[in-house]
Amino acid sequence: MSSPRKALIAVALILSACAGADATPMVRARAAHDLVCAESTLRVDRELDGNYAAIGCGKRASYRALCEGTRCTVTRVGGP
């Protein structure tokens, strides 16, 4: 198998792993704490850039998720 083909396969595997990771539950839990709002009342939207927006209790917060496989780390963007 040629090197360019191996590289394309590796990129495809990485992209499919990223696409499969969904940090929504982690974002919801973090936002509930940050916004002092019940998880059940929060709406979490995945944005086009891969970030997340959490809206609830009259507040909004943005989050960035860094995922490796199915494990994600969530950090708030632009907030305390």
PDB file of N, CA and C in Angstrom:
ATOM      1  N   MET A   1       0.857  -1.172   0.000  1.00  0.00           N
ATOM      2  CA  MET A   1       0.000   0.000   0.000  1.00  0.00           C
ATOM      3  C   MET A   1       0.904   1.236   0.000  1.00  0.00           C
ATOM      4  N   SER A   2       0.585   2.217  -0.840  1.00  0.00           N
ATOM      5  CA  SER A   2       1.425   3.405  -0.960  1.00  0.00           C
ATOM      6  C   SER A   2       1.255   4.339   0.236  1.00  0.00           C
ATOM      7  N   SER A   3       2.274   5.165   0.489  1.00  0.00           N
ATOM      8  CA  SER A   3       2.244   6.101   1.618  1.00  0.00           C
ATOM      9  C   SER A   3       1.093   7.096   1.531  1.00  0.00           C
ATOM     10  N   PRO A   4       0.812   7.704   0.347  1.00  0.00           N
ATOM     11  CA  PRO A   4      -0.326   8.634   0.286  1.00  0.00           C
ATOM     12  C   PRO A   4      -1.649   7.949   0.632  1.00  0.00           C
ATOM     13  N   ARG A   5      -1.784   6.709   0.205  1.00  0.00           N
ATOM     14  CA  ARG A   5      -3.024   5.985   0.516  1.00  0.00           C
ATOM     15  C   ARG A   5      -3.127   5.709   2.019  1.00  0.00           C
ATOM     16  N   LYS A   6      -2.011   5.332   2.636  1.00  0.00           N
ATOM     17  CA  LYS A   6      -1.997   5.111   4.090  1.00  0.00           C
ATOM     18  C   LYS A   6      -2.355   6.397   4.825  1.00  0.00           C
ATOM     19  N   ALA A   7      -1.817   7.513   4.344  1.00  0.00           N
ATOM     20  CA  ALA A   7      -2.102   8.804   4.980  1.00  0.00           C
ATOM     21  C   ALA A   7      -3.585   9.141   4.860  1.00  0.00           C
ATOM     22  N   LEU A   8      -4.181   8.898   3.718  1.00  0.00           N
ATOM     23  CA  LEU A   8      -5.611   9.167   3.534  1.00  0.00           C
ATOM     24  C   LEU A   8      -6.464   8.293   4.446  1.00  0.00           C
ATOM     25  N   ILE A   9      -6.077   7.050   4.600  1.00  0.00           N
ATOM     26  CA  ILE A   9      -6.813   6.140   5.484  1.00  0.00           C
ATOM     27  C   ILE A   9      -6.691   6.617   6.932  1.00  0.00           C
ATOM     28  N   ALA A  10      -5.499   7.036   7.325  1.00  0.00           N
ATOM     29  CA  ALA A  10      -5.298   7.536   8.695  1.00  0.00           C
ATOM     30  C   ALA A  10      -6.148   8.772   8.950  1.00  0.00           C
ATOM     31  N   VAL A  11      -6.181   9.690   7.999  1.00  0.00           N
ATOM     32  CA  VAL A  11      -6.996  10.909   8.150  1.00  0.00           C
ATOM     33  C   VAL A  11      -8.466  10.538   8.244  1.00  0.00           C
ATOM     34  N   ALA A  12      -8.921   9.622   7.431  1.00  0.00           N
ATOM     35  CA  ALA A  12     -10.324   9.205   7.466  1.00  0.00           C
ATOM     36  C   ALA A  12     -10.682   8.597   8.819  1.00  0.00           C
ATOM     37  N   LEU A  13      -9.786   7.785   9.373  1.00  0.00           N
ATOM     38  CA  LEU A  13     -10.046   7.195  10.686  1.00  0.00           C
ATOM     39  C   LEU A  13     -10.108   8.253  11.778  1.00  0.00           C
ATOM     40  N   ILE A  14      -9.224   9.221  11.726  1.00  0.00           N
ATOM     41  CA  ILE A  14      -9.220  10.296  12.719  1.00  0.00           C
ATOM     42  C   ILE A  14     -10.500  11.114  12.614  1.00  0.00           C
ATOM     43  N   LEU A  15     -10.890  11.468  11.403  1.00  0.00           N
ATOM     44  CA  LEU A  15     -12.111  12.258  11.223  1.00  0.00           C
ATOM     45  C   LEU A  15     -13.352  11.500  11.666  1.00  0.00           C
ATOM     46  N   SER A  16     -13.397  10.211  11.407  1.00  0.00           N
ATOM     47  CA  SER A  16     -14.572   9.437  11.820  1.00  0.00           C
ATOM     48  C   SER A  16     -14.625   9.327  13.339  1.00  0.00           C
ATOM     49  N   ALA A  17     -13.477   9.252  13.994  1.00  0.00           N
ATOM     50  CA  ALA A  17     -13.454   9.198  15.458  1.00  0.00           C
ATOM     51  C   ALA A  17     -13.943  10.512  16.044  1.00  0.00           C
ATOM     52  N   CYS A  18     -13.535  11.632  15.453  1.00  0.00           N
ATOM     53  CA  CYS A  18     -13.970  12.941  15.940  1.00  0.00           C
ATOM     54  C   CYS A  18     -15.463  13.136  15.716  1.00  0.00           C
ATOM     55  N   ALA A  19     -15.938  12.684  14.576  1.00  0.00           N
ATOM     56  CA  ALA A  19     -17.354  12.857  14.270  1.00  0.00           C
ATOM     57  C   ALA A  19     -18.223  12.051  15.212  1.00  0.00           C
ATOM     58  N   GLY A  20     -17.700  10.911  15.706  1.00  0.00           N
ATOM     59  CA  GLY A  20     -18.483  10.048  16.563  1.00  0.00           C
ATOM     60  C   GLY A  20     -18.567  10.525  18.003  1.00  0.00           C
ATOM     61  N   ALA A  21     -17.622  11.333  18.422  1.00  0.00           N
ATOM     62  CA  ALA A  21     -17.614  11.805  19.804  1.00  0.00           C
ATOM     63  C   ALA A  21     -18.671  12.896  19.976  1.00  0.00           C
ATOM     64  N   ASP A  22     -19.509  12.725  20.960  1.00  0.00           N
ATOM     65  CA  ASP A  22     -20.523  13.729  21.262  1.00  0.00           C
ATOM     66  C   ASP A  22     -20.373  14.134  22.720  1.00  0.00           C
ATOM     67  N   ALA A  23     -19.948  15.361  22.930  1.00  0.00           N
ATOM     68  CA  ALA A  23     -19.701  15.855  24.287  1.00  0.00           C
ATOM     69  C   ALA A  23     -20.941  16.479  24.922  1.00  0.00           C
ATOM     70  N   THR A  24     -22.094  16.366  24.281  1.00  0.00           N
ATOM     71  CA  THR A  24     -23.312  17.007  24.784  1.00  0.00           C
ATOM     72  C   THR A  24     -23.601  16.679  26.252  1.00  0.00           C
ATOM     73  N   PRO A  25     -23.542  15.417  26.676  1.00  0.00           N
ATOM     74  CA  PRO A  25     -23.823  15.138  28.093  1.00  0.00           C
ATOM     75  C   PRO A  25     -22.846  15.827  29.042  1.00  0.00           C
ATOM     76  N   MET A  26     -21.573  15.873  28.664  1.00  0.00           N
ATOM     77  CA  MET A  26     -20.578  16.541  29.510  1.00  0.00           C
ATOM     78  C   MET A  26     -20.787  18.052  29.526  1.00  0.00           C
ATOM     79  N   VAL A  27     -21.133  18.611  28.376  1.00  0.00           N
ATOM     80  CA  VAL A  27     -21.418  20.053  28.307  1.00  0.00           C
ATOM     81  C   VAL A  27     -22.625  20.374  29.174  1.00  0.00           C
ATOM     82  N   ARG A  28     -23.656  19.549  29.091  1.00  0.00           N
ATOM     83  CA  ARG A  28     -24.878  19.774  29.881  1.00  0.00           C
ATOM     84  C   ARG A  28     -24.566  19.779  31.380  1.00  0.00           C
ATOM     85  N   ALA A  29     -23.765  18.814  31.827  1.00  0.00           N
ATOM     86  CA  ALA A  29     -23.411  18.734  33.251  1.00  0.00           C
ATOM     87  C   ALA A  29     -22.585  19.941  33.679  1.00  0.00           C
ATOM     88  N   ARG A  30     -21.614  20.308  32.857  1.00  0.00           N
ATOM     89  CA  ARG A  30     -20.761  21.465  33.188  1.00  0.00           C
ATOM     90  C   ARG A  30     -21.577  22.749  33.193  1.00  0.00           C
ATOM     91  N   ALA A  31     -22.459  22.922  32.206  1.00  0.00           N
ATOM     92  CA  ALA A  31     -23.286  24.124  32.117  1.00  0.00           C
ATOM     93  C   ALA A  31     -24.257  24.217  33.292  1.00  0.00           C
ATOM     94  N   ALA A  32     -24.789  23.094  33.738  1.00  0.00           N
ATOM     95  CA  ALA A  32     -25.698  23.107  34.892  1.00  0.00           C
ATOM     96  C   ALA A  32     -24.986  23.691  36.101  1.00  0.00           C
ATOM     97  N   HIS A  33     -23.737  23.328  36.279  1.00  0.00           N
ATOM     98  CA  HIS A  33     -22.943  23.857  37.392  1.00  0.00           C
ATOM     99  C   HIS A  33     -22.626  25.343  37.172  1.00  0.00           C
ATOM    100  N   ASP A  34     -22.121  25.669  35.980  1.00  0.00           N
ATOM    101  CA  ASP A  34     -21.706  27.044  35.689  1.00  0.00           C
ATOM    102  C   ASP A  34     -22.864  28.039  35.721  1.00  0.00           C
ATOM    103  N   LEU A  35     -24.010  27.633  35.189  1.00  0.00           N
ATOM    104  CA  LEU A  35     -25.161  28.536  35.076  1.00  0.00           C
ATOM    105  C   LEU A  35     -26.116  28.426  36.264  1.00  0.00           C
ATOM    106  N   VAL A  36     -25.806  27.523  37.189  1.00  0.00           N
ATOM    107  CA  VAL A  36     -26.674  27.255  38.345  1.00  0.00           C
ATOM    108  C   VAL A  36     -28.101  27.029  37.823  1.00  0.00           C
ATOM    109  N   CYS A  37     -28.229  25.992  37.027  1.00  0.00           N
ATOM    110  CA  CYS A  37     -29.478  25.699  36.322  1.00  0.00           C
ATOM    111  C   CYS A  37     -29.622  24.180  36.219  1.00  0.00           C
ATOM    112  N   ALA A  38     -30.814  23.669  36.418  1.00  0.00           N
ATOM    113  CA  ALA A  38     -31.042  22.223  36.349  1.00  0.00           C
ATOM    114  C   ALA A  38     -30.720  21.688  34.947  1.00  0.00           C
ATOM    115  N   GLU A  39     -30.020  20.555  34.895  1.00  0.00           N
ATOM    116  CA  GLU A  39     -29.668  19.948  33.612  1.00  0.00           C
ATOM    117  C   GLU A  39     -30.888  19.751  32.722  1.00  0.00           C
ATOM    118  N   SER A  40     -31.993  19.363  33.322  1.00  0.00           N
ATOM    119  CA  SER A  40     -33.196  19.068  32.537  1.00  0.00           C
ATOM    120  C   SER A  40     -33.777  20.299  31.849  1.00  0.00           C
ATOM    121  N   THR A  41     -33.404  21.493  32.298  1.00  0.00           N
ATOM    122  CA  THR A  41     -33.947  22.715  31.690  1.00  0.00           C
ATOM    123  C   THR A  41     -32.992  23.332  30.675  1.00  0.00           C
ATOM    124  N   LEU A  42     -31.802  22.759  30.524  1.00  0.00           N
ATOM    125  CA  LEU A  42     -30.813  23.307  29.600  1.00  0.00           C
ATOM    126  C   LEU A  42     -30.994  22.782  28.188  1.00  0.00           C
ATOM    127  N   ARG A  43     -30.786  23.654  27.227  1.00  0.00           N
ATOM    128  CA  ARG A  43     -30.718  23.245  25.823  1.00  0.00           C
ATOM    129  C   ARG A  43     -29.252  23.348  25.415  1.00  0.00           C
ATOM    130  N   VAL A  44     -28.715  22.288  24.843  1.00  0.00           N
ATOM    131  CA  VAL A  44     -27.325  22.281  24.395  1.00  0.00           C
ATOM    132  C   VAL A  44     -27.315  22.085  22.888  1.00  0.00           C
ATOM    133  N   ASP A  45     -26.691  23.033  22.195  1.00  0.00           N
ATOM    134  CA  ASP A  45     -26.604  22.974  20.733  1.00  0.00           C
ATOM    135  C   ASP A  45     -25.155  22.819  20.312  1.00  0.00           C
ATOM    136  N   ARG A  46     -24.913  21.911  19.390  1.00  0.00           N
ATOM    137  CA  ARG A  46     -23.574  21.770  18.812  1.00  0.00           C
ATOM    138  C   ARG A  46     -23.489  22.749  17.650  1.00  0.00           C
ATOM    139  N   GLU A  47     -22.509  23.629  17.687  1.00  0.00           N
ATOM    140  CA  GLU A  47     -22.368  24.656  16.663  1.00  0.00           C
ATOM    141  C   GLU A  47     -21.504  24.151  15.508  1.00  0.00           C
ATOM    142  N   LEU A  48     -21.528  24.864  14.393  1.00  0.00           N
ATOM    143  CA  LEU A  48     -20.810  24.440  13.197  1.00  0.00           C
ATOM    144  C   LEU A  48     -19.309  24.312  13.410  1.00  0.00           C
ATOM    145  N   ASP A  49     -18.745  25.128  14.295  1.00  0.00           N
ATOM    146  CA  ASP A  49     -17.304  25.084  14.524  1.00  0.00           C
ATOM    147  C   ASP A  49     -16.888  23.996  15.504  1.00  0.00           C
ATOM    148  N   GLY A  50     -17.852  23.179  15.934  1.00  0.00           N
ATOM    149  CA  GLY A  50     -17.542  22.098  16.862  1.00  0.00           C
ATOM    150  C   GLY A  50     -17.686  22.485  18.319  1.00  0.00           C
ATOM    151  N   ASN A  51     -17.884  23.772  18.581  1.00  0.00           N
ATOM    152  CA  ASN A  51     -18.133  24.215  19.946  1.00  0.00           C
ATOM    153  C   ASN A  51     -19.590  23.952  20.299  1.00  0.00           C
ATOM    154  N   TYR A  52     -19.929  24.180  21.556  1.00  0.00           N
ATOM    155  CA  TYR A  52     -21.287  23.948  22.033  1.00  0.00           C
ATOM    156  C   TYR A  52     -21.815  25.208  22.699  1.00  0.00           C
ATOM    157  N   ALA A  53     -23.117  25.413  22.612  1.00  0.00           N
ATOM    158  CA  ALA A  53     -23.785  26.503  23.312  1.00  0.00           C
ATOM    159  C   ALA A  53     -24.801  25.887  24.257  1.00  0.00           C
ATOM    160  N   ALA A  54     -24.784  26.350  25.502  1.00  0.00           N
ATOM    161  CA  ALA A  54     -25.755  25.892  26.497  1.00  0.00           C
ATOM    162  C   ALA A  54     -26.623  27.083  26.867  1.00  0.00           C
ATOM    163  N   ILE A  55     -27.937  26.880  26.807  1.00  0.00           N
ATOM    164  CA  ILE A  55     -28.891  27.946  27.081  1.00  0.00           C
ATOM    165  C   ILE A  55     -29.912  27.448  28.091  1.00  0.00           C
ATOM    166  N   GLY A  56     -30.125  28.251  29.137  1.00  0.00           N
ATOM    167  CA  GLY A  56     -31.115  27.885  30.132  1.00  0.00           C
ATOM    168  C   GLY A  56     -31.133  28.865  31.285  1.00  0.00           C
ATOM    169  N   CYS A  57     -32.269  28.980  31.949  1.00  0.00           N
ATOM    170  CA  CYS A  57     -32.433  29.862  33.110  1.00  0.00           C
ATOM    171  C   CYS A  57     -32.078  31.303  32.770  1.00  0.00           C
ATOM    172  N   GLY A  58     -32.361  31.704  31.540  1.00  0.00           N
ATOM    173  CA  GLY A  58     -32.093  33.071  31.112  1.00  0.00           C
ATOM    174  C   GLY A  58     -30.624  33.377  30.885  1.00  0.00           C
ATOM    175  N   LYS A  59     -29.791  32.339  30.775  1.00  0.00           N
ATOM    176  CA  LYS A  59     -28.345  32.518  30.598  1.00  0.00           C
ATOM    177  C   LYS A  59     -27.859  31.707  29.413  1.00  0.00           C
ATOM    178  N   ARG A  60     -26.655  32.050  28.955  1.00  0.00           N
ATOM    179  CA  ARG A  60     -26.030  31.339  27.834  1.00  0.00           C
ATOM    180  C   ARG A  60     -24.531  31.206  28.120  1.00  0.00           C
ATOM    181  N   ALA A  61     -23.967  30.076  27.762  1.00  0.00           N
ATOM    182  CA  ALA A  61     -22.527  29.860  27.899  1.00  0.00           C
ATOM    183  C   ALA A  61     -22.030  29.054  26.705  1.00  0.00           C
ATOM    184  N   SER A  62     -20.793  29.319  26.316  1.00  0.00           N
ATOM    185  CA  SER A  62     -20.167  28.591  25.212  1.00  0.00           C
ATOM    186  C   SER A  62     -19.086  27.673  25.759  1.00  0.00           C
ATOM    187  N   TYR A  63     -18.946  26.512  25.116  1.00  0.00           N
ATOM    188  CA  TYR A  63     -17.981  25.507  25.555  1.00  0.00           C
ATOM    189  C   TYR A  63     -17.229  24.936  24.372  1.00  0.00           C
ATOM    190  N   ARG A  64     -15.982  24.542  24.633  1.00  0.00           N
ATOM    191  CA  ARG A  64     -15.164  23.860  23.642  1.00  0.00           C
ATOM    192  C   ARG A  64     -14.895  22.463  24.176  1.00  0.00           C
ATOM    193  N   ALA A  65     -15.072  21.493  23.318  1.00  0.00           N
ATOM    194  CA  ALA A  65     -14.820  20.104  23.707  1.00  0.00           C
ATOM    195  C   ALA A  65     -13.647  19.570  22.898  1.00  0.00           C
ATOM    196  N   LEU A  66     -12.683  18.998  23.591  1.00  0.00           N
ATOM    197  CA  LEU A  66     -11.565  18.336  22.943  1.00  0.00           C
ATOM    198  C   LEU A  66     -11.735  16.842  23.197  1.00  0.00           C
ATOM    199  N   CYS A  67     -11.924  16.110  22.104  1.00  0.00           N
ATOM    200  CA  CYS A  67     -12.214  14.688  22.240  1.00  0.00           C
ATOM    201  C   CYS A  67     -11.111  13.838  21.619  1.00  0.00           C
ATOM    202  N   GLU A  68     -10.791  12.758  22.298  1.00  0.00           N
ATOM    203  CA  GLU A  68      -9.901  11.730  21.778  1.00  0.00           C
ATOM    204  C   GLU A  68     -10.686  10.436  21.829  1.00  0.00           C
ATOM    205  N   GLY A  69     -11.085   9.978  20.673  1.00  0.00           N
ATOM    206  CA  GLY A  69     -11.971   8.808  20.633  1.00  0.00           C
ATOM    207  C   GLY A  69     -13.316   9.186  21.215  1.00  0.00           C
ATOM    208  N   THR A  70     -13.704   8.503  22.275  1.00  0.00           N
ATOM    209  CA  THR A  70     -14.990   8.814  22.908  1.00  0.00           C
ATOM    210  C   THR A  70     -14.816   9.581  24.212  1.00  0.00           C
ATOM    211  N   ARG A  71     -13.580   9.941  24.565  1.00  0.00           N
ATOM    212  CA  ARG A  71     -13.304  10.693  25.793  1.00  0.00           C
ATOM    213  C   ARG A  71     -13.156  12.170  25.455  1.00  0.00           C
ATOM    214  N   CYS A  72     -13.886  13.015  26.162  1.00  0.00           N
ATOM    215  CA  CYS A  72     -13.861  14.445  25.898  1.00  0.00           C
ATOM    216  C   CYS A  72     -13.545  15.257  27.155  1.00  0.00           C
ATOM    217  N   THR A  73     -12.881  16.385  26.947  1.00  0.00           N
ATOM    218  CA  THR A  73     -12.646  17.360  27.997  1.00  0.00           C
ATOM    219  C   THR A  73     -13.366  18.632  27.588  1.00  0.00           C
ATOM    220  N   VAL A  74     -14.175  19.174  28.496  1.00  0.00           N
ATOM    221  CA  VAL A  74     -15.001  20.347  28.192  1.00  0.00           C
ATOM    222  C   VAL A  74     -14.484  21.550  28.966  1.00  0.00           C
ATOM    223  N   THR A  75     -14.293  22.669  28.259  1.00  0.00           N
ATOM    224  CA  THR A  75     -13.900  23.917  28.911  1.00  0.00           C
ATOM    225  C   THR A  75     -14.826  25.035  28.458  1.00  0.00           C
ATOM    226  N   ARG A  76     -15.102  25.940  29.385  1.00  0.00           N
ATOM    227  CA  ARG A  76     -15.952  27.083  29.058  1.00  0.00           C
ATOM    228  C   ARG A  76     -15.130  28.106  28.298  1.00  0.00           C
ATOM    229  N   VAL A  77     -15.750  28.727  27.308  1.00  0.00           N
ATOM    230  CA  VAL A  77     -15.103  29.732  26.477  1.00  0.00           C
ATOM    231  C   VAL A  77     -15.655  31.100  26.855  1.00  0.00           C
ATOM    232  N   GLY A  78     -14.787  32.019  27.191  1.00  0.00           N
ATOM    233  CA  GLY A  78     -15.199  33.404  27.444  1.00  0.00           C
ATOM    234  C   GLY A  78     -15.996  33.611  28.716  1.00  0.00           C
ATOM    235  N   GLY A  79     -15.831  32.784  29.688  1.00  0.00           N
ATOM    236  CA  GLY A  79     -16.571  32.951  30.932  1.00  0.00           C
ATOM    237  C   GLY A  79     -15.730  32.550  32.123  1.00  0.00           C
ATOM    238  N   PRO A  80     -16.273  32.756  33.293  1.00  0.00           N
ATOM    239  CA  PRO A  80     -15.533  32.397  34.502  1.00  0.00           C
ATOM    240  C   PRO A  80     -15.367  30.898  34.666  1.00  0.00           C
TER     241      PRO A  80
END
